Amino acid sequence: MDKETIEREWAQQRIEHLNGVLRAIRNVDHLIVHEKDPKRLLKRACDTLIETRSYYNAWIALIDDSGQVVATTQAGLGDEFIQMAERLHQGEFTTCGYEALRQSELVTISDPPIFCTDCPLAIKYQGRAAMTMRLEHEGKVYGLMSASIPADFLGDEEEESLFEQVAGDIAFALHDIELQEAHKQAEEKIRIYARQVTQAQEDERKRISLELHDETAQELIRLGMDIDSLVGAESEDLRTGLEELRNKVEEVLQGVRRLSQELRPPMLDALGLIEALRWLIDDPSVEPAISASFKIHGDQRRLSPEAEMALFRIVQESLNNVRKHSQATEIKIELQFHSEKIDMAISDNGQGFELPRDINEFVRIGKLGLIGMQERAKLLGGIVVIQSEPGKGTTITMELQG
């Protein structure tokens, strides 16, 4: 075979190899977009690198902030990688591993069986070359990636550049997954904190409610009885004054009882959400000019205490908003029980308002109650949607699993 033919065949092999590497990069990039589990990502990345026949084998070691190997994966090596994995987990890196961790540049070994006598995989690299590089993004090292290629292709700038690109893409993916996990953990901490705050608020409301009922109300009752004992006095002016005072005490007592029930309605715990909502809607303190209707669909059932309290508070806040701001004459409340969720809709025919684009704008315009509704629902994995237009009333819908 003449020299020209040999060079042509070598060039063809090189082109096919580089095309395989390009396909591998494309497939790895596809993985990065869709795979968010770091261990599965690394395993599938190794599989992809050899499936396109761009590399004979590949392995990746994931390390933590202390430099300890926490996971390893491979493709094309089989059981022969077991000893290598054990050494990596014990903190024993091979020559190319130490070199790759020490520098940001690609480390290449032209003849591993000769130059890497400390590597348990060296025998697998007979007639092959090795490339190893640390997985690094924005100064943080996430691990090592190594692969074997035909020895004839080692030193090719395009070959090395493509391998560096793969390593960089995988490092970026690990960085992105880490950020998402940190964000998820932060959100969970916020939810836990908000749940604790909400529970503390309800506990405090319950305590105040009991104090109003057991102490303040009883004191007012005793005061009323003392006034009754004086009503029989001979002085007409005194008797008239005491009667007026007794009436005022009775008004205060009714207000205290109503406030106690609003803080923590006893029927919510005892009789459940439906009866508590009926009491809330039929409350005589509600503006009589507003006609309120309450409809229930589906098979009624008790919900968790947290879910019943959330729905009750949302209806309570909605009624308060209607009375204070809407100028409505009619409000409708509908509760739909499904097998695995509950839908609630509250609508009025009031003046409505223009919805802001950002929920945080509710704070600026003084509609804190609407934010409270959404936060209560969010704590339970629910969704609250607010719809309103000037002159067209307001509708609040909520979906809650349970």
Protein backbone atom coordinates (compact mmCIF):
# COMPACT_ATOMS: atom_id res chain seq x y z
CA MET A 1 0.00 0.00 0.00
CA ASP A 2 1.58 3.29 -1.08
CA LYS A 3 2.09 6.25 1.21
CA GLU A 4 -0.67 8.32 -0.42
CA THR A 5 -3.24 5.58 0.14
CA ILE A 6 -2.19 5.18 3.78
CA GLU A 7 -2.49 8.92 4.39
CA ARG A 8 -5.88 9.02 2.69
CA GLU A 9 -7.21 6.14 4.80
CA TRP A 10 -5.81 7.74 7.97
CA ALA A 11 -7.47 11.04 7.06
CA GLN A 12 -10.77 9.24 6.47
CA GLN A 13 -10.50 7.48 9.82
CA ARG A 14 -9.74 10.79 11.52
CA ILE A 15 -12.77 12.44 9.90
CA GLU A 16 -15.04 9.57 10.97
CA HIS A 17 -13.65 9.72 14.49
CA LEU A 18 -14.13 13.48 14.77
CA ASN A 19 -17.66 13.15 13.41
CA GLY A 20 -18.30 10.60 16.14
CA VAL A 21 -16.98 13.03 18.73
CA LEU A 22 -19.25 15.76 17.36
CA ARG A 23 -22.25 13.43 17.59
CA ALA A 24 -21.24 12.60 21.15
CA ILE A 25 -21.07 16.30 22.02
CA ARG A 26 -24.49 16.88 20.52
CA ASN A 27 -25.94 13.95 22.47
CA VAL A 28 -24.26 15.06 25.71
CA ASP A 29 -25.68 18.56 25.25
CA HIS A 30 -29.11 16.99 24.80
CA LEU A 31 -28.60 15.10 28.07
CA ILE A 32 -27.59 18.29 29.85
CA VAL A 33 -30.89 19.93 28.91
CA HIS A 34 -33.10 17.05 30.05
CA GLU A 35 -31.23 15.13 32.79
CA LYS A 36 -31.17 16.80 36.21
CA ASP A 37 -29.85 13.93 38.32
CA PRO A 38 -26.02 14.24 38.47
CA LYS A 39 -25.27 10.50 38.74
CA ARG A 40 -27.57 9.56 35.87
CA LEU A 41 -26.17 12.42 33.82
CA LEU A 42 -22.59 11.20 34.25
CA LYS A 43 -23.46 7.57 33.51
CA ARG A 44 -25.40 8.44 30.38
CA ALA A 45 -22.63 10.84 29.30
CA CYS A 46 -20.06 8.02 29.51
CA ASP A 47 -22.36 5.71 27.55
CA THR A 48 -22.86 8.39 24.92
CA LEU A 49 -19.11 8.93 24.49
CA ILE A 50 -18.56 5.32 23.45
CA GLU A 51 -21.86 4.70 21.65
CA THR A 52 -20.83 6.99 18.80
CA ARG A 53 -17.51 5.09 18.61
CA SER A 54 -15.67 8.30 19.29
CA TYR A 55 -13.91 6.77 22.34
CA TYR A 56 -13.00 3.21 23.31
CA ASN A 57 -14.01 3.76 26.91
CA ALA A 58 -14.69 6.60 29.33
CA TRP A 59 -14.92 7.11 33.06
CA ILE A 60 -15.89 9.99 35.33
CA ALA A 61 -15.24 10.54 39.03
CA LEU A 62 -17.37 13.07 40.92
CA ILE A 63 -15.70 14.81 43.89
CA ASP A 64 -17.05 16.96 46.71
CA ASP A 65 -15.75 20.27 48.07
CA SER A 66 -13.11 18.48 50.16
CA GLY A 67 -11.73 16.65 47.12
CA GLN A 68 -13.18 13.29 48.16
CA VAL A 69 -14.54 11.07 45.40
CA VAL A 70 -18.26 10.56 46.06
CA ALA A 71 -19.31 8.75 42.87
CA THR A 72 -17.76 7.02 39.88
CA THR A 73 -19.16 5.75 36.62
CA GLN A 74 -17.79 4.24 33.44
CA ALA A 75 -18.59 2.84 30.02
CA GLY A 76 -16.61 0.27 28.04
CA LEU A 77 -14.53 -0.98 30.98
CA GLY A 78 -16.83 -3.40 32.79
CA ASP A 79 -15.56 -5.19 35.91
CA GLU A 80 -12.02 -4.04 35.24
CA PHE A 81 -13.05 -0.60 36.54
CA ILE A 82 -13.91 -1.97 40.00
CA GLN A 83 -10.34 -1.78 41.32
CA MET A 84 -9.96 1.71 39.84
CA ALA A 85 -13.18 2.87 41.51
CA GLU A 86 -12.08 1.48 44.88
CA ARG A 87 -8.79 3.33 44.68
CA LEU A 88 -10.49 6.58 43.69
CA HIS A 89 -12.92 6.34 46.62
CA GLN A 90 -9.92 5.82 48.92
CA GLY A 91 -8.37 9.03 47.59
CA GLU A 92 -5.70 7.26 45.51
CA PHE A 93 -5.58 8.96 42.13
CA THR A 94 -3.49 7.75 39.21
CA THR A 95 -0.72 9.82 37.67
CA CYS A 96 -3.00 11.37 35.07
CA GLY A 97 -5.66 12.00 37.74
CA TYR A 98 -3.25 13.89 39.99
CA GLU A 99 -1.98 15.91 37.04
CA ALA A 100 -5.50 16.77 35.87
CA LEU A 101 -6.57 17.90 39.34
CA ARG A 102 -3.44 20.03 39.65
CA GLN A 103 -3.93 21.97 36.40
CA SER A 104 -6.74 23.23 34.20
CA GLU A 105 -5.19 22.00 30.94
CA LEU A 106 -5.89 18.66 29.30
CA VAL A 107 -3.56 15.83 30.35
CA THR A 108 -2.61 13.35 27.60
CA ILE A 109 -0.79 10.04 27.88
CA SER A 110 0.53 8.57 24.63
CA ASP A 111 1.27 5.05 25.92
CA PRO A 112 -0.46 4.32 29.26
CA PRO A 113 0.97 0.79 29.75
CA ILE A 114 4.46 2.35 29.84
CA PHE A 115 3.85 5.73 31.47
CA CYS A 116 1.01 4.82 33.88
CA THR A 117 2.31 1.77 35.72
CA ASP A 118 0.26 2.76 38.80
CA CYS A 119 -3.03 2.62 36.86
CA PRO A 120 -5.09 -0.60 37.09
CA LEU A 121 -6.59 0.25 33.70
CA ALA A 122 -3.29 0.66 31.86
CA ILE A 123 -3.44 -2.82 30.36
CA LYS A 124 -6.72 -1.87 28.65
CA TYR A 125 -4.96 0.96 26.82
CA GLN A 126 -2.59 -1.19 24.76
CA GLY A 127 -2.15 0.64 21.47
CA ARG A 128 -4.36 3.49 22.68
CA ALA A 129 -3.84 6.91 24.17
CA ALA A 130 -5.59 8.53 27.14
CA MET A 131 -6.98 12.00 27.74
CA THR A 132 -7.91 13.18 31.24
CA MET A 133 -9.30 16.52 32.31
CA ARG A 134 -10.86 17.97 35.42
CA LEU A 135 -14.51 19.02 35.26
CA GLU A 136 -14.36 22.67 36.22
CA HIS A 137 -16.77 25.61 35.99
CA GLU A 138 -16.27 29.10 37.40
CA GLY A 139 -13.29 27.98 39.46
CA LYS A 140 -14.98 25.00 41.10
CA VAL A 141 -13.77 21.48 40.33
CA TYR A 142 -16.59 18.91 40.16
CA GLY A 143 -14.55 15.86 39.20
CA LEU A 144 -12.43 14.13 36.57
CA MET A 145 -13.21 12.74 33.13
CA SER A 146 -10.94 10.35 31.24
CA ALA A 147 -11.28 8.56 27.91
CA SER A 148 -9.15 6.49 25.55
CA ILE A 149 -8.71 7.18 21.84
CA PRO A 150 -6.64 5.74 18.99
CA ALA A 151 -3.01 6.58 19.70
CA ASP A 152 -2.60 8.01 16.21
CA PHE A 153 -5.10 10.79 16.98
CA LEU A 154 -3.35 12.03 20.11
CA GLY A 155 -1.96 15.53 19.77
CA ASP A 156 -4.55 16.56 17.19
CA GLU A 157 -5.65 20.08 18.23
CA GLU A 158 -9.22 19.58 17.04
CA GLU A 159 -9.43 16.26 18.90
CA GLU A 160 -8.24 17.80 22.15
CA SER A 161 -10.43 20.89 21.73
CA LEU A 162 -13.55 18.72 21.32
CA PHE A 163 -12.71 16.69 24.44
CA GLU A 164 -12.22 19.89 26.41
CA GLN A 165 -15.59 21.08 25.14
CA VAL A 166 -17.29 17.90 26.36
CA ALA A 167 -15.65 18.26 29.77
CA GLY A 168 -16.68 21.91 29.97
CA ASP A 169 -20.28 21.13 29.02
CA ILE A 170 -20.55 18.40 31.68
CA ALA A 171 -19.02 20.70 34.30
CA PHE A 172 -21.51 23.41 33.40
CA ALA A 173 -24.36 20.90 33.75
CA LEU A 174 -23.14 19.87 37.22
CA HIS A 175 -22.91 23.54 38.18
CA ASP A 176 -26.45 24.17 36.94
CA ILE A 177 -27.81 21.13 38.83
CA GLU A 178 -26.05 22.33 41.98
CA LEU A 179 -27.65 25.78 41.67
CA GLN A 180 -31.09 24.27 41.12
CA GLU A 181 -30.67 22.00 44.13
CA ALA A 182 -29.53 24.93 46.28
CA HIS A 183 -32.52 26.96 45.08
CA LYS A 184 -34.86 24.04 45.82
CA GLN A 185 -33.45 23.66 49.33
CA ALA A 186 -33.78 27.41 49.95
CA GLU A 187 -37.41 27.33 48.80
CA GLU A 188 -38.12 24.35 51.06
CA LYS A 189 -36.60 26.18 54.03
CA ILE A 190 -38.79 29.18 53.26
CA ARG A 191 -41.88 26.96 53.05
CA ILE A 192 -41.02 25.32 56.36
CA TYR A 193 -40.46 28.70 57.97
CA ALA A 194 -43.69 30.10 56.54
CA ARG A 195 -45.58 27.01 57.71
CA GLN A 196 -44.16 27.46 61.19
CA VAL A 197 -45.08 31.16 61.19
CA THR A 198 -48.61 30.37 60.00
CA GLN A 199 -49.01 27.69 62.67
CA ALA A 200 -47.68 30.07 65.31
CA GLN A 201 -50.22 32.68 64.19
CA GLU A 202 -53.05 30.16 64.45
CA ASP A 203 -51.84 29.00 67.87
CA GLU A 204 -51.71 32.59 69.06
CA ARG A 205 -55.18 33.27 67.69
CA LYS A 206 -56.45 30.23 69.52
CA ARG A 207 -54.84 31.37 72.76
CA ILE A 208 -56.29 34.88 72.45
CA SER A 209 -59.67 33.44 71.54
CA LEU A 210 -59.71 31.28 74.67
CA GLU A 211 -58.63 34.19 76.83
CA LEU A 212 -61.38 36.40 75.40
CA HIS A 213 -63.94 33.67 75.96
CA ASP A 214 -62.79 32.36 79.33
CA GLU A 215 -61.53 35.52 81.01
CA THR A 216 -62.63 38.77 79.34
CA ALA A 217 -66.13 37.57 78.55
CA GLN A 218 -66.60 36.16 82.05
CA GLU A 219 -65.47 39.43 83.60
CA LEU A 220 -67.97 41.32 81.45
CA ILE A 221 -70.72 38.90 82.52
CA ARG A 222 -69.90 39.44 86.18
CA LEU A 223 -69.85 43.19 85.60
CA GLY A 224 -73.28 42.96 84.00
CA MET A 225 -74.58 41.01 87.01
CA ASP A 226 -73.21 43.66 89.37
CA ILE A 227 -74.98 46.34 87.36
CA ASP A 228 -78.22 44.31 87.53
CA SER A 229 -77.97 44.30 91.30
CA LEU A 230 -77.90 48.10 91.30
CA VAL A 231 -80.73 48.60 88.84
CA GLY A 232 -83.24 48.27 91.72
CA ALA A 233 -81.90 51.43 93.33
CA GLU A 234 -84.47 54.14 94.13
CA SER A 235 -82.84 56.90 92.14
CA GLU A 236 -84.42 57.07 88.70
CA ASP A 237 -81.36 58.73 87.18
CA LEU A 238 -79.10 56.06 88.65
CA ARG A 239 -81.36 53.31 87.40
CA THR A 240 -81.47 54.82 83.91
CA GLY A 241 -77.70 55.25 83.81
CA LEU A 242 -77.09 51.69 84.96
CA GLU A 243 -79.46 50.31 82.33
CA GLU A 244 -77.58 52.19 79.63
CA LEU A 245 -74.31 50.92 81.04
CA ARG A 246 -75.65 47.36 81.10
CA ASN A 247 -76.67 47.65 77.45
CA LYS A 248 -73.20 48.83 76.54
CA VAL A 249 -71.63 45.95 78.43
CA GLU A 250 -73.89 43.54 76.53
CA GLU A 251 -72.78 45.08 73.22
CA VAL A 252 -69.13 44.76 74.23
CA LEU A 253 -69.72 41.18 75.32
CA GLN A 254 -71.28 40.29 71.96
CA GLY A 255 -68.36 41.93 70.18
CA VAL A 256 -65.86 39.97 72.27
CA ARG A 257 -67.68 36.72 71.55
CA ARG A 258 -67.76 37.50 67.83
CA LEU A 259 -64.07 38.41 67.85
CA SER A 260 -63.26 35.21 69.72
CA GLN A 261 -65.12 33.15 67.11
CA GLU A 262 -63.46 34.97 64.23
CA LEU A 263 -60.02 34.41 65.72
CA ARG A 264 -60.63 30.69 66.10
CA PRO A 265 -64.13 29.49 65.18
CA PRO A 266 -64.88 26.53 67.50
CA MET A 267 -67.13 24.87 64.94
CA LEU A 268 -64.21 24.54 62.50
CA ASP A 269 -62.55 21.99 64.77
CA ALA A 270 -65.78 20.46 66.04
CA LEU A 271 -68.03 20.36 62.96
CA GLY A 272 -65.67 20.93 60.04
CA LEU A 273 -65.22 23.36 57.17
CA ILE A 274 -68.74 23.33 55.73
CA GLU A 275 -70.52 24.31 58.96
CA ALA A 276 -67.83 26.88 59.74
CA LEU A 277 -68.29 28.49 56.32
CA ARG A 278 -72.07 28.53 56.76
CA TRP A 279 -71.63 30.28 60.10
CA LEU A 280 -69.20 32.74 58.53
CA ILE A 281 -71.54 33.57 55.64
CA ASP A 282 -74.61 33.86 57.90
CA ASP A 283 -72.79 36.04 60.44
CA PRO A 284 -75.23 38.83 61.37
CA SER A 285 -72.36 41.30 61.41
CA VAL A 286 -72.00 40.88 57.62
CA GLU A 287 -73.34 43.84 55.66
CA PRO A 288 -77.06 43.04 55.19
CA ALA A 289 -77.10 44.74 51.78
CA ILE A 290 -74.86 41.97 50.42
CA SER A 291 -76.61 38.78 49.33
CA ALA A 292 -74.40 35.74 49.94
CA SER A 293 -74.92 32.24 48.49
CA PHE A 294 -73.01 29.04 49.25
CA LYS A 295 -73.11 25.94 47.03
CA ILE A 296 -71.40 22.58 47.50
CA HIS A 297 -70.75 20.04 44.74
CA GLY A 298 -69.48 16.48 45.02
CA ASP A 299 -69.21 14.18 48.02
CA GLN A 300 -68.41 16.18 51.14
CA ARG A 301 -65.59 15.01 53.40
CA ARG A 302 -63.38 16.30 56.16
CA LEU A 303 -60.02 17.65 55.08
CA SER A 304 -56.79 17.99 57.01
CA PRO A 305 -56.89 20.68 59.74
CA GLU A 306 -54.38 22.73 57.74
CA ALA A 307 -56.45 22.57 54.55
CA GLU A 308 -59.72 23.43 56.32
CA MET A 309 -58.09 26.37 58.08
CA ALA A 310 -56.59 27.66 54.80
CA LEU A 311 -59.95 27.51 52.98
CA PHE A 312 -61.74 29.11 55.91
CA ARG A 313 -59.25 31.99 56.14
CA ILE A 314 -59.41 32.62 52.40
CA VAL A 315 -63.21 32.86 52.50
CA GLN A 316 -62.99 35.03 55.61
CA GLU A 317 -60.52 37.42 53.96
CA SER A 318 -62.63 37.51 50.78
CA LEU A 319 -65.76 38.46 52.74
CA ASN A 320 -63.84 41.18 54.56
CA ASN A 321 -62.57 42.56 51.24
CA VAL A 322 -66.08 42.53 49.74
CA ARG A 323 -67.54 44.39 52.71
CA LYS A 324 -64.79 47.00 52.87
CA HIS A 325 -63.84 47.67 49.26
CA SER A 326 -66.00 46.09 46.57
CA GLN A 327 -69.34 47.95 46.85
CA ALA A 328 -70.85 44.61 45.82
CA THR A 329 -74.44 43.56 46.35
CA GLU A 330 -73.87 39.86 45.76
CA ILE A 331 -71.21 37.28 46.58
CA LYS A 332 -71.17 33.63 45.52
CA ILE A 333 -69.08 30.86 47.10
CA GLU A 334 -68.84 27.42 45.51
CA LEU A 335 -66.94 24.39 46.82
CA GLN A 336 -66.31 21.42 44.53
CA PHE A 337 -65.13 18.11 46.03
CA HIS A 338 -63.22 15.85 43.63
CA SER A 339 -61.70 12.48 44.43
CA GLU A 340 -58.18 13.87 44.98
CA LYS A 341 -58.59 17.63 45.10
CA ILE A 342 -60.88 20.50 46.13
CA ASP A 343 -61.78 23.53 44.03
CA MET A 344 -63.21 26.70 45.51
CA ALA A 345 -64.51 29.81 43.74
CA ILE A 346 -65.49 33.12 45.35
CA SER A 347 -66.99 35.81 43.12
CA ASP A 348 -68.68 39.16 43.64
CA ASN A 349 -70.38 41.74 41.43
CA GLY A 350 -68.49 44.68 42.90
CA GLN A 351 -66.43 47.41 41.33
CA GLY A 352 -63.36 45.22 40.80
CA PHE A 353 -59.84 46.57 40.33
CA GLU A 354 -56.96 46.45 37.88
CA LEU A 355 -54.65 43.52 38.54
CA PRO A 356 -50.95 44.39 38.79
CA ARG A 357 -48.48 42.52 36.62
CA ASP A 358 -46.35 41.53 39.61
CA ILE A 359 -47.86 40.00 42.74
CA ASN A 360 -45.52 42.13 44.86
CA GLU A 361 -47.46 45.17 43.62
CA PHE A 362 -50.30 44.01 45.90
CA VAL A 363 -48.16 45.26 48.77
CA ARG A 364 -47.82 48.71 47.24
CA ILE A 365 -51.55 49.08 46.64
CA GLY A 366 -52.40 47.81 50.10
CA LYS A 367 -53.97 44.45 49.20
CA LEU A 368 -51.96 42.38 51.67
CA GLY A 369 -54.86 39.99 52.24
CA LEU A 370 -54.62 38.75 48.65
CA ILE A 371 -50.95 37.91 49.16
CA GLY A 372 -51.87 36.10 52.37
CA MET A 373 -54.35 33.95 50.45
CA GLN A 374 -51.73 32.91 47.92
CA GLU A 375 -49.16 32.15 50.58
CA ARG A 376 -51.59 30.00 52.58
CA ALA A 377 -52.43 27.99 49.47
CA LYS A 378 -48.78 27.68 48.43
CA LEU A 379 -47.84 26.20 51.80
CA LEU A 380 -50.22 23.33 51.09
CA GLY A 381 -49.18 22.91 47.46
CA GLY A 382 -52.29 24.72 46.23
CA ILE A 383 -52.88 27.45 43.70
CA VAL A 384 -54.86 30.67 44.06
CA VAL A 385 -55.84 32.63 40.95
CA ILE A 386 -57.25 36.16 41.23
CA GLN A 387 -59.27 37.62 38.36
CA SER A 388 -60.63 41.15 38.40
CA GLU A 389 -61.35 44.09 36.13
CA PRO A 390 -62.62 47.57 36.97
CA GLY A 391 -66.41 47.49 36.89
CA LYS A 392 -66.59 43.71 36.44
CA GLY A 393 -66.21 42.36 39.94
CA THR A 394 -63.63 39.93 41.33
CA THR A 395 -63.31 36.15 41.24
CA ILE A 396 -60.90 34.18 43.39
CA THR A 397 -60.37 30.49 42.60
CA MET A 398 -58.33 27.99 44.54
CA GLU A 399 -57.21 24.43 43.82
CA LEU A 400 -55.98 22.29 46.67
CA GLN A 401 -54.92 18.65 46.73
CA GLY A 402 -56.57 16.57 49.40
